């Protein structure tokens, strides 16, 4: 007997959506400064050579820059990288706007961090068609506010952990829906 069968509350397919903003701090910097769009951008709390990168844009990640990379190493990996000082107030403002979009859905919403949240889907929308419509609406609302500057990946599954793993599997701007038939893949 599979252990899942012993659970009192059986997992319900399509019950959870996980929304993860892509390269959030760097994307916010690119949104507010159009000159940074399409360029490798790294955000640091101490942009001097000894500081560390706290976020990298998609373009910077392609050059090998990631969270924790030293600023001096970032310049070595990508001489054209633009290192900017962090802007916490900007990140909080965008976070509140994103949360307003998520709260406008009929789902229960819980922020996991400044750039991640999960949504518990009401039973009447727990179908592939229902969750795909919700994800499409969320992505459309984000695009309406931020264009292609601030994107998210979304994962759908029977629980938060699986939905988070699904959202991580197709970045940037992905959407992955896991159900019992696709789970093993």
N, C-alpha and C. Protein backbone atom coordinates (compact mmCIF):
# COMPACT_ATOMS: atom_id res chain seq x y z
N UNK A 1 0.85 -1.18 0.00
CA UNK A 1 0.00 0.00 0.00
C UNK A 1 0.89 1.24 0.00
N UNK A 2 0.58 2.20 -0.88
CA UNK A 2 1.34 3.44 -0.94
C UNK A 2 1.08 4.26 0.32
N UNK A 3 2.13 4.92 0.85
CA UNK A 3 1.95 5.71 2.07
C UNK A 3 0.91 6.82 1.93
N UNK A 4 0.75 7.37 0.72
CA UNK A 4 -0.21 8.45 0.52
C UNK A 4 -1.64 8.01 0.85
N UNK A 5 -1.93 6.75 0.67
CA UNK A 5 -3.28 6.23 0.91
C UNK A 5 -3.63 6.32 2.40
N UNK A 6 -2.61 6.29 3.25
CA UNK A 6 -2.83 6.34 4.69
C UNK A 6 -3.13 7.76 5.18
N UNK A 7 -2.88 8.75 4.35
CA UNK A 7 -3.15 10.13 4.75
C UNK A 7 -4.64 10.38 4.90
N UNK A 8 -4.99 11.11 5.94
CA UNK A 8 -6.40 11.45 6.17
C UNK A 8 -6.92 12.33 5.03
N UNK A 9 -6.16 13.36 4.70
CA UNK A 9 -6.52 14.26 3.61
C UNK A 9 -5.66 13.92 2.40
N UNK A 10 -6.27 13.32 1.43
CA UNK A 10 -5.55 12.95 0.22
C UNK A 10 -5.15 14.20 -0.57
N UNK A 11 -3.96 14.15 -1.20
CA UNK A 11 -3.56 15.28 -2.05
C UNK A 11 -4.58 15.51 -3.16
N UNK A 12 -4.82 16.78 -3.45
CA UNK A 12 -5.78 17.15 -4.49
C UNK A 12 -5.01 17.81 -5.63
N UNK A 13 -5.13 17.24 -6.81
CA UNK A 13 -4.47 17.81 -7.96
C UNK A 13 -4.95 19.23 -8.19
N UNK A 14 -4.06 20.07 -8.70
CA UNK A 14 -4.38 21.45 -9.09
C UNK A 14 -4.84 22.31 -7.92
N UNK A 15 -4.43 21.97 -6.70
CA UNK A 15 -4.90 22.71 -5.54
C UNK A 15 -3.98 23.85 -5.11
N UNK A 16 -2.75 23.89 -5.65
CA UNK A 16 -1.79 24.89 -5.21
C UNK A 16 -1.05 25.49 -6.40
N UNK A 17 -0.95 26.81 -6.40
CA UNK A 17 -0.14 27.53 -7.38
C UNK A 17 0.98 28.22 -6.61
N UNK A 18 2.20 28.08 -7.12
CA UNK A 18 3.35 28.76 -6.51
C UNK A 18 3.86 29.78 -7.51
N UNK A 19 3.93 31.04 -7.10
CA UNK A 19 4.39 32.12 -7.96
C UNK A 19 5.74 32.60 -7.46
N UNK A 20 6.72 32.58 -8.34
CA UNK A 20 8.09 32.96 -8.00
C UNK A 20 8.56 34.01 -9.01
N UNK A 21 8.79 35.22 -8.53
CA UNK A 21 9.24 36.30 -9.41
C UNK A 21 10.67 36.00 -9.86
N UNK A 22 10.97 36.24 -11.11
CA UNK A 22 12.27 35.91 -11.69
C UNK A 22 13.26 37.04 -11.50
N UNK A 23 14.41 36.73 -10.88
CA UNK A 23 15.49 37.72 -10.68
C UNK A 23 14.90 39.02 -10.13
N UNK A 24 14.15 38.91 -9.06
CA UNK A 24 13.28 39.99 -8.62
C UNK A 24 13.96 41.33 -8.41
N UNK A 25 14.97 41.40 -7.55
CA UNK A 25 15.58 42.70 -7.26
C UNK A 25 16.17 43.32 -8.53
N UNK A 26 16.86 42.51 -9.32
CA UNK A 26 17.46 43.02 -10.56
C UNK A 26 16.37 43.43 -11.56
N UNK A 27 15.30 42.67 -11.61
CA UNK A 27 14.19 43.01 -12.52
C UNK A 27 13.53 44.32 -12.12
N UNK A 28 13.39 44.55 -10.83
CA UNK A 28 12.82 45.82 -10.36
C UNK A 28 13.73 46.97 -10.75
N UNK A 29 15.04 46.78 -10.60
CA UNK A 29 15.99 47.82 -11.02
C UNK A 29 15.85 48.10 -12.52
N UNK A 30 15.71 47.05 -13.32
CA UNK A 30 15.54 47.23 -14.76
C UNK A 30 14.21 47.90 -15.09
N UNK A 31 13.18 47.61 -14.32
CA UNK A 31 11.88 48.24 -14.55
C UNK A 31 11.98 49.76 -14.32
N UNK A 32 12.59 50.16 -13.21
CA UNK A 32 12.68 51.58 -12.88
C UNK A 32 13.71 52.33 -13.72
N UNK A 33 14.69 51.63 -14.27
CA UNK A 33 15.72 52.27 -15.08
C UNK A 33 15.78 51.58 -16.44
N UNK A 34 15.03 52.08 -17.41
CA UNK A 34 14.97 51.44 -18.74
C UNK A 34 16.34 51.25 -19.41
N UNK A 35 17.34 52.07 -19.04
CA UNK A 35 18.68 51.91 -19.62
C UNK A 35 19.31 50.57 -19.22
N UNK A 36 18.81 49.95 -18.16
CA UNK A 36 19.36 48.68 -17.69
C UNK A 36 18.71 47.46 -18.36
N UNK A 37 17.61 47.66 -19.03
CA UNK A 37 16.87 46.54 -19.63
C UNK A 37 17.70 45.87 -20.72
N UNK A 38 17.71 44.53 -20.65
CA UNK A 38 18.45 43.75 -21.63
C UNK A 38 19.94 43.68 -21.35
N UNK A 39 20.38 44.32 -20.29
CA UNK A 39 21.80 44.31 -19.93
C UNK A 39 22.01 43.45 -18.68
N UNK A 40 23.23 42.93 -18.50
CA UNK A 40 23.51 42.18 -17.26
C UNK A 40 23.56 43.15 -16.08
N UNK A 41 22.72 42.91 -15.09
CA UNK A 41 22.62 43.77 -13.92
C UNK A 41 22.79 42.91 -12.68
N UNK A 42 23.56 43.41 -11.73
CA UNK A 42 23.74 42.74 -10.45
C UNK A 42 23.44 43.73 -9.35
N UNK A 43 22.74 43.28 -8.33
CA UNK A 43 22.36 44.13 -7.20
C UNK A 43 23.21 43.73 -6.00
N UNK A 44 23.73 44.74 -5.31
CA UNK A 44 24.56 44.48 -4.13
C UNK A 44 24.23 45.50 -3.05
N UNK A 45 24.34 45.08 -1.80
CA UNK A 45 24.17 46.01 -0.68
C UNK A 45 25.45 46.80 -0.47
N UNK A 46 26.55 46.32 -1.03
CA UNK A 46 27.85 46.99 -0.95
C UNK A 46 28.52 46.84 -2.31
N UNK A 47 28.22 47.75 -3.26
CA UNK A 47 28.68 47.56 -4.64
C UNK A 47 30.18 47.70 -4.86
N UNK A 48 30.97 47.85 -3.81
CA UNK A 48 32.42 47.89 -4.00
C UNK A 48 32.93 46.48 -4.30
N UNK A 49 34.20 46.39 -4.66
CA UNK A 49 34.78 45.10 -5.07
C UNK A 49 34.63 43.98 -4.06
N UNK A 50 34.64 44.31 -2.76
CA UNK A 50 34.54 43.28 -1.73
C UNK A 50 33.12 42.88 -1.38
N UNK A 51 32.14 43.59 -1.93
CA UNK A 51 30.74 43.28 -1.65
C UNK A 51 30.29 42.02 -2.36
N UNK A 52 29.09 41.58 -2.05
CA UNK A 52 28.54 40.39 -2.69
C UNK A 52 27.26 40.73 -3.44
N UNK A 53 26.98 39.95 -4.45
CA UNK A 53 25.78 40.11 -5.24
C UNK A 53 24.62 39.46 -4.50
N UNK A 54 23.51 40.21 -4.34
CA UNK A 54 22.32 39.65 -3.70
C UNK A 54 21.28 39.24 -4.73
N UNK A 55 21.41 39.73 -5.97
CA UNK A 55 20.49 39.35 -7.04
C UNK A 55 21.15 39.65 -8.37
N UNK A 56 20.86 38.82 -9.36
CA UNK A 56 21.40 39.01 -10.71
C UNK A 56 20.26 38.92 -11.71
N UNK A 57 20.34 39.75 -12.73
CA UNK A 57 19.33 39.70 -13.80
C UNK A 57 19.50 38.41 -14.59
N UNK A 58 18.51 38.09 -15.39
CA UNK A 58 18.59 36.91 -16.25
C UNK A 58 19.83 36.99 -17.12
N UNK A 59 20.12 38.18 -17.64
CA UNK A 59 21.28 38.36 -18.52
C UNK A 59 22.58 38.11 -17.75
N UNK A 60 22.65 38.57 -16.50
CA UNK A 60 23.85 38.36 -15.68
C UNK A 60 24.00 36.89 -15.30
N UNK A 61 22.88 36.23 -15.02
CA UNK A 61 22.94 34.80 -14.68
C UNK A 61 23.50 33.99 -15.83
N UNK A 62 23.15 34.38 -17.06
CA UNK A 62 23.68 33.68 -18.23
C UNK A 62 25.20 33.80 -18.32
N UNK A 63 25.76 34.82 -17.69
CA UNK A 63 27.21 35.04 -17.70
C UNK A 63 27.89 34.41 -16.48
N UNK A 64 27.12 33.69 -15.67
CA UNK A 64 27.69 32.99 -14.52
C UNK A 64 27.61 33.73 -13.20
N UNK A 65 26.97 34.88 -13.20
CA UNK A 65 26.84 35.65 -11.95
C UNK A 65 25.61 35.16 -11.21
N UNK A 66 25.77 34.87 -9.93
CA UNK A 66 24.64 34.40 -9.13
C UNK A 66 24.70 35.01 -7.74
N UNK A 67 23.69 34.77 -6.96
CA UNK A 67 23.65 35.27 -5.59
C UNK A 67 24.88 34.76 -4.84
N UNK A 68 25.55 35.67 -4.15
CA UNK A 68 26.74 35.30 -3.38
C UNK A 68 28.04 35.57 -4.11
N UNK A 69 27.98 35.79 -5.41
CA UNK A 69 29.19 36.11 -6.17
C UNK A 69 29.76 37.44 -5.66
N UNK A 70 31.06 37.50 -5.47
CA UNK A 70 31.70 38.76 -5.09
C UNK A 70 31.61 39.74 -6.25
N UNK A 71 31.47 41.02 -5.93
CA UNK A 71 31.36 42.05 -6.96
C UNK A 71 32.58 42.01 -7.88
N UNK A 72 33.77 41.88 -7.32
CA UNK A 72 34.99 41.84 -8.14
C UNK A 72 34.96 40.64 -9.09
N UNK A 73 34.46 39.51 -8.63
CA UNK A 73 34.35 38.32 -9.49
C UNK A 73 33.30 38.54 -10.57
N UNK A 74 32.22 39.25 -10.24
CA UNK A 74 31.17 39.54 -11.23
C UNK A 74 31.76 40.34 -12.39
N UNK A 75 32.61 41.32 -12.08
CA UNK A 75 33.25 42.10 -13.14
C UNK A 75 34.18 41.23 -13.98
N UNK A 76 34.81 40.23 -13.37
CA UNK A 76 35.68 39.32 -14.12
C UNK A 76 34.86 38.42 -15.04
N UNK A 77 33.75 37.91 -14.51
CA UNK A 77 32.89 37.03 -15.30
C UNK A 77 32.23 37.76 -16.45
N UNK A 78 31.88 39.03 -16.21
CA UNK A 78 31.12 39.80 -17.20
C UNK A 78 31.56 41.26 -17.10
N UNK A 79 32.56 41.65 -17.86
CA UNK A 79 33.06 43.03 -17.75
C UNK A 79 31.99 44.10 -17.98
N UNK A 80 30.93 43.80 -18.69
CA UNK A 80 29.88 44.78 -18.96
C UNK A 80 28.77 44.81 -17.92
N UNK A 81 28.91 44.05 -16.84
CA UNK A 81 27.85 44.01 -15.83
C UNK A 81 27.70 45.39 -15.18
N UNK A 82 26.47 45.75 -14.91
CA UNK A 82 26.18 46.99 -14.18
C UNK A 82 25.81 46.58 -12.76
N UNK A 83 26.62 46.98 -11.80
CA UNK A 83 26.35 46.67 -10.40
C UNK A 83 25.68 47.88 -9.78
N UNK A 84 24.48 47.66 -9.24
CA UNK A 84 23.71 48.75 -8.63
C UNK A 84 23.50 48.47 -7.14
N UNK A 85 23.36 49.56 -6.40
CA UNK A 85 23.07 49.45 -4.97
C UNK A 85 21.61 49.04 -4.81
N UNK A 86 21.33 48.24 -3.80
CA UNK A 86 19.95 47.78 -3.58
C UNK A 86 19.01 48.94 -3.25
N UNK A 87 17.73 48.72 -3.57
CA UNK A 87 16.68 49.72 -3.35
C UNK A 87 15.50 49.08 -2.62
N UNK A 88 15.65 48.81 -1.32
CA UNK A 88 14.60 48.08 -0.59
C UNK A 88 13.21 48.67 -0.70
N UNK A 89 13.09 49.99 -0.71
CA UNK A 89 11.75 50.60 -0.80
C UNK A 89 11.09 50.27 -2.13
N UNK A 90 11.86 50.24 -3.20
CA UNK A 90 11.31 49.87 -4.52
C UNK A 90 10.83 48.42 -4.50
N UNK A 91 11.60 47.54 -3.89
CA UNK A 91 11.23 46.12 -3.85
C UNK A 91 9.94 45.92 -3.04
N UNK A 92 9.84 46.64 -1.93
CA UNK A 92 8.63 46.52 -1.11
C UNK A 92 7.40 47.05 -1.85
N UNK A 93 7.57 48.15 -2.57
CA UNK A 93 6.45 48.73 -3.34
C UNK A 93 5.94 47.74 -4.38
N UNK A 94 6.86 47.17 -5.15
CA UNK A 94 6.47 46.20 -6.18
C UNK A 94 5.86 44.95 -5.53
N UNK A 95 6.43 44.51 -4.41
CA UNK A 95 5.88 43.36 -3.68
C UNK A 95 4.41 43.60 -3.32
N UNK A 96 4.10 44.79 -2.80
CA UNK A 96 2.71 45.10 -2.43
C UNK A 96 1.80 45.07 -3.66
N UNK A 97 2.28 45.58 -4.78
CA UNK A 97 1.48 45.56 -6.01
C UNK A 97 1.24 44.13 -6.49
N UNK A 98 2.27 43.30 -6.42
CA UNK A 98 2.13 41.90 -6.83
C UNK A 98 1.15 41.18 -5.90
N UNK A 99 1.28 41.42 -4.61
CA UNK A 99 0.37 40.79 -3.66
C UNK A 99 -1.08 41.23 -3.91
N UNK A 100 -1.29 42.47 -4.31
CA UNK A 100 -2.65 42.94 -4.63
C UNK A 100 -3.20 42.15 -5.81
N UNK A 101 -2.37 41.88 -6.81
CA UNK A 101 -2.80 41.07 -7.96
C UNK A 101 -3.20 39.67 -7.49
N UNK A 102 -2.37 39.07 -6.66
CA UNK A 102 -2.65 37.71 -6.18
C UNK A 102 -3.90 37.68 -5.31
N UNK A 103 -4.06 38.68 -4.46
CA UNK A 103 -5.23 38.73 -3.58
C UNK A 103 -6.53 39.03 -4.35
N UNK A 104 -6.41 39.53 -5.57
CA UNK A 104 -7.60 39.76 -6.39
C UNK A 104 -8.16 38.46 -6.97
N UNK A 105 -7.40 37.38 -6.86
CA UNK A 105 -7.91 36.08 -7.30
C UNK A 105 -8.81 35.51 -6.19
N UNK A 106 -9.58 34.47 -6.48
CA UNK A 106 -10.42 33.87 -5.44
C UNK A 106 -9.65 32.91 -4.51
N UNK A 107 -8.33 32.92 -4.61
CA UNK A 107 -7.50 31.99 -3.86
C UNK A 107 -7.11 32.54 -2.49
N UNK A 108 -6.78 31.63 -1.58
CA UNK A 108 -6.12 32.00 -0.33
C UNK A 108 -4.65 32.23 -0.71
N UNK A 109 -4.08 33.37 -0.32
CA UNK A 109 -2.72 33.74 -0.72
C UNK A 109 -1.83 33.86 0.51
N UNK A 110 -0.62 33.32 0.40
CA UNK A 110 0.35 33.42 1.49
C UNK A 110 1.71 33.75 0.90
N UNK A 111 2.27 34.89 1.29
CA UNK A 111 3.61 35.26 0.85
C UNK A 111 4.61 34.35 1.55
N UNK A 112 5.59 33.86 0.81
CA UNK A 112 6.67 33.06 1.38
C UNK A 112 7.93 33.90 1.54
N UNK A 113 8.06 34.94 0.75
CA UNK A 113 9.16 35.89 0.84
C UNK A 113 8.74 37.12 0.04
N UNK A 114 9.65 38.05 -0.14
CA UNK A 114 9.29 39.28 -0.87
C UNK A 114 8.98 38.99 -2.33
N UNK A 115 9.48 37.86 -2.86
CA UNK A 115 9.27 37.58 -4.29
C UNK A 115 8.63 36.23 -4.57
N UNK A 116 8.05 35.61 -3.57
CA UNK A 116 7.40 34.31 -3.75
C UNK A 116 6.13 34.24 -2.92
N UNK A 117 5.13 33.53 -3.46
CA UNK A 117 3.88 33.32 -2.72
C UNK A 117 3.23 32.04 -3.25
N UNK A 118 2.40 31.46 -2.40
CA UNK A 118 1.61 30.34 -2.89
C UNK A 118 0.13 30.69 -2.75
N UNK A 119 -0.64 30.07 -3.62
CA UNK A 119 -2.09 30.29 -3.64
C UNK A 119 -2.77 28.95 -3.48
N UNK A 120 -3.70 28.85 -2.55
CA UNK A 120 -4.53 27.67 -2.40
C UNK A 120 -5.79 27.90 -3.24
N UNK A 121 -5.97 27.05 -4.20
CA UNK A 121 -7.02 27.21 -5.20
C UNK A 121 -8.35 26.69 -4.63
N UNK A 122 -9.44 27.47 -4.76
CA UNK A 122 -10.73 26.98 -4.28
C UNK A 122 -11.16 25.75 -5.08
N UNK A 123 -11.94 24.90 -4.46
CA UNK A 123 -12.30 23.60 -5.06
C UNK A 123 -12.95 23.75 -6.44
N UNK A 124 -13.73 24.78 -6.65
CA UNK A 124 -14.42 24.91 -7.94
C UNK A 124 -13.47 25.26 -9.09
N UNK A 125 -12.21 25.61 -8.78
CA UNK A 125 -11.23 25.90 -9.83
C UNK A 125 -10.11 24.86 -9.90
N UNK A 126 -10.23 23.78 -9.13
CA UNK A 126 -9.19 22.76 -9.09
C UNK A 126 -9.28 21.80 -10.27
N UNK A 127 -9.01 22.34 -11.43
CA UNK A 127 -8.92 21.57 -12.66
C UNK A 127 -7.79 22.18 -13.47
N UNK A 128 -7.32 21.45 -14.45
CA UNK A 128 -6.24 22.00 -15.28
C UNK A 128 -6.68 23.31 -15.92
N UNK A 129 -7.89 23.31 -16.45
CA UNK A 129 -8.42 24.51 -17.10
C UNK A 129 -8.53 25.66 -16.10
N UNK A 130 -9.00 25.38 -14.90
CA UNK A 130 -9.18 26.41 -13.88
C UNK A 130 -7.86 27.04 -13.46
N UNK A 131 -6.84 26.22 -13.17
CA UNK A 131 -5.56 26.77 -12.71
C UNK A 131 -4.82 27.46 -13.85
N UNK A 132 -4.95 26.93 -15.05
CA UNK A 132 -4.28 27.58 -16.18
C UNK A 132 -4.88 28.96 -16.43
N UNK A 133 -6.18 29.10 -16.23
CA UNK A 133 -6.82 30.41 -16.38
C UNK A 133 -6.33 31.36 -15.29
N UNK A 134 -6.20 30.87 -14.05
CA UNK A 134 -5.69 31.70 -12.96
C UNK A 134 -4.27 32.17 -13.25
N UNK A 135 -3.40 31.25 -13.66
CA UNK A 135 -2.01 31.61 -13.95
C UNK A 135 -1.95 32.61 -15.10
N UNK A 136 -2.75 32.38 -16.12
CA UNK A 136 -2.77 33.30 -17.27
C UNK A 136 -3.20 34.70 -16.82
N UNK A 137 -4.20 34.77 -15.95
CA UNK A 137 -4.68 36.06 -15.44
C UNK A 137 -3.58 36.76 -14.64
N UNK A 138 -2.92 36.03 -13.77
CA UNK A 138 -1.84 36.61 -12.95
C UNK A 138 -0.73 37.15 -13.84
N UNK A 139 -0.29 36.33 -14.79
CA UNK A 139 0.79 36.76 -15.69
C UNK A 139 0.36 37.95 -16.55
N UNK A 140 -0.88 37.96 -16.96
CA UNK A 140 -1.39 39.07 -17.76
C UNK A 140 -1.43 40.37 -16.95
N UNK A 141 -1.86 40.28 -15.70
CA UNK A 141 -1.89 41.46 -14.82
C UNK A 141 -0.47 41.98 -14.59
N UNK A 142 0.47 41.07 -14.34
CA UNK A 142 1.86 41.49 -14.15
C UNK A 142 2.39 42.18 -15.40
N UNK A 143 2.12 41.60 -16.56
CA UNK A 143 2.58 42.19 -17.81
C UNK A 143 1.97 43.57 -18.02
N UNK A 144 0.70 43.71 -17.65
CA UNK A 144 0.04 45.01 -17.78
C UNK A 144 0.70 46.10 -16.95
N UNK A 145 1.23 45.73 -15.79
CA UNK A 145 1.90 46.71 -14.93
C UNK A 145 3.36 46.93 -15.29
N UNK A 146 4.06 45.84 -15.63
CA UNK A 146 5.51 45.91 -15.73
C UNK A 146 6.07 45.53 -17.10
N UNK A 147 5.20 45.22 -18.05
CA UNK A 147 5.70 44.78 -19.35
C UNK A 147 6.53 43.52 -19.18
N UNK A 148 7.60 43.40 -19.93
CA UNK A 148 8.44 42.21 -19.82
C UNK A 148 9.59 42.42 -18.83
N UNK A 149 9.56 43.52 -18.07
CA UNK A 149 10.64 43.79 -17.11
C UNK A 149 10.57 42.90 -15.88
N UNK A 150 9.37 42.63 -15.39
CA UNK A 150 9.22 41.83 -14.17
C UNK A 150 8.31 40.65 -14.51
N UNK A 151 8.90 39.46 -14.54
CA UNK A 151 8.18 38.24 -14.92
C UNK A 151 8.16 37.26 -13.76
N UNK A 152 7.30 36.27 -13.86
CA UNK A 152 7.26 35.24 -12.84
C UNK A 152 7.22 33.85 -13.48
N UNK A 153 7.64 32.89 -12.70
CA UNK A 153 7.43 31.49 -13.05
C UNK A 153 6.35 30.97 -12.12
N UNK A 154 5.51 30.10 -12.63
CA UNK A 154 4.43 29.55 -11.82
C UNK A 154 4.45 28.04 -11.89
N UNK A 155 4.22 27.43 -10.75
CA UNK A 155 4.11 25.98 -10.68
C UNK A 155 2.78 25.62 -10.07
N UNK A 156 2.19 24.55 -10.58
CA UNK A 156 0.90 24.08 -10.07
C UNK A 156 1.06 22.62 -9.69
N UNK A 157 0.55 22.27 -8.51
CA UNK A 157 0.65 20.88 -8.06
C UNK A 157 -0.34 20.65 -6.92
N UNK A 158 -0.18 19.49 -6.29
CA UNK A 158 -1.10 19.11 -5.22
C UNK A 158 -0.66 19.64 -3.85
N UNK A 159 0.53 20.19 -3.75
CA UNK A 159 0.96 20.79 -2.48
C UNK A 159 1.99 21.89 -2.75
N UNK A 160 2.31 22.65 -1.73
CA UNK A 160 3.19 23.80 -1.89
C UNK A 160 4.59 23.40 -2.34
N UNK A 161 5.14 22.35 -1.75
CA UNK A 161 6.50 21.94 -2.09
C UNK A 161 6.59 21.54 -3.56
N UNK A 162 5.68 20.71 -4.02
CA UNK A 162 5.70 20.29 -5.42
C UNK A 162 5.46 21.48 -6.37
N UNK A 163 4.57 22.39 -5.98
CA UNK A 163 4.32 23.56 -6.81
C UNK A 163 5.56 24.44 -6.88
N UNK A 164 6.29 24.57 -5.76
CA UNK A 164 7.54 25.34 -5.75
C UNK A 164 8.56 24.68 -6.67
N UNK A 165 8.70 23.37 -6.59
CA UNK A 165 9.64 22.65 -7.46
C UNK A 165 9.26 22.84 -8.93
N UNK A 166 7.97 22.81 -9.21
CA UNK A 166 7.50 23.02 -10.59
C UNK A 166 7.85 24.43 -11.06
N UNK A 167 7.67 25.43 -10.20
CA UNK A 167 7.97 26.81 -10.60
C UNK A 167 9.46 26.99 -10.87
N UNK A 168 10.29 26.25 -10.16
CA UNK A 168 11.74 26.34 -10.34
C UNK A 168 12.22 25.65 -11.61
N UNK A 169 11.42 24.76 -12.15
CA UNK A 169 11.90 23.92 -13.25
C UNK A 169 11.84 24.58 -14.62
N UNK A 170 11.21 25.74 -14.71
CA UNK A 170 11.12 26.40 -16.01
C UNK A 170 11.21 27.91 -15.82
N UNK A 171 12.45 28.40 -15.75
CA UNK A 171 12.67 29.83 -15.55
C UNK A 171 13.44 30.36 -16.74
N UNK A 172 13.32 31.62 -17.08
CA UNK A 172 12.34 32.56 -16.54
C UNK A 172 11.00 32.46 -17.24
N UNK A 173 9.99 33.00 -16.61
CA UNK A 173 8.65 33.16 -17.19
C UNK A 173 7.98 31.84 -17.55
N UNK A 174 8.23 30.80 -16.78
CA UNK A 174 7.65 29.50 -17.10
C UNK A 174 6.34 29.23 -16.40
N UNK A 175 5.73 28.12 -16.82
CA UNK A 175 4.52 27.60 -16.17
C UNK A 175 4.59 26.09 -16.29
N UNK A 176 4.58 25.42 -15.16
CA UNK A 176 4.61 23.96 -15.14
C UNK A 176 3.46 23.46 -14.28
N UNK A 177 2.66 22.57 -14.85
CA UNK A 177 1.53 21.99 -14.14
C UNK A 177 1.84 20.52 -13.91
N UNK A 178 1.90 20.13 -12.63
CA UNK A 178 2.14 18.72 -12.27
C UNK A 178 0.83 18.07 -11.85
N UNK A 179 0.58 16.89 -12.36
CA UNK A 179 -0.53 16.08 -11.87
C UNK A 179 0.00 14.66 -11.69
N UNK A 180 -0.84 13.75 -11.28
CA UNK A 180 -0.35 12.39 -10.99
C UNK A 180 0.29 11.72 -12.19
N UNK A 181 -0.18 12.03 -13.38
CA UNK A 181 0.40 11.39 -14.57
C UNK A 181 1.73 12.02 -14.96
N UNK A 182 1.98 13.27 -14.63
CA UNK A 182 3.24 13.92 -15.00
C UNK A 182 4.25 13.99 -13.87
N UNK A 183 3.87 13.57 -12.68
CA UNK A 183 4.71 13.72 -11.50
C UNK A 183 6.04 12.98 -11.65
N UNK A 184 6.01 11.76 -12.14
CA UNK A 184 7.26 10.99 -12.25
C UNK A 184 8.22 11.64 -13.24
N UNK A 185 7.70 12.25 -14.30
CA UNK A 185 8.57 12.93 -15.26
C UNK A 185 9.28 14.09 -14.61
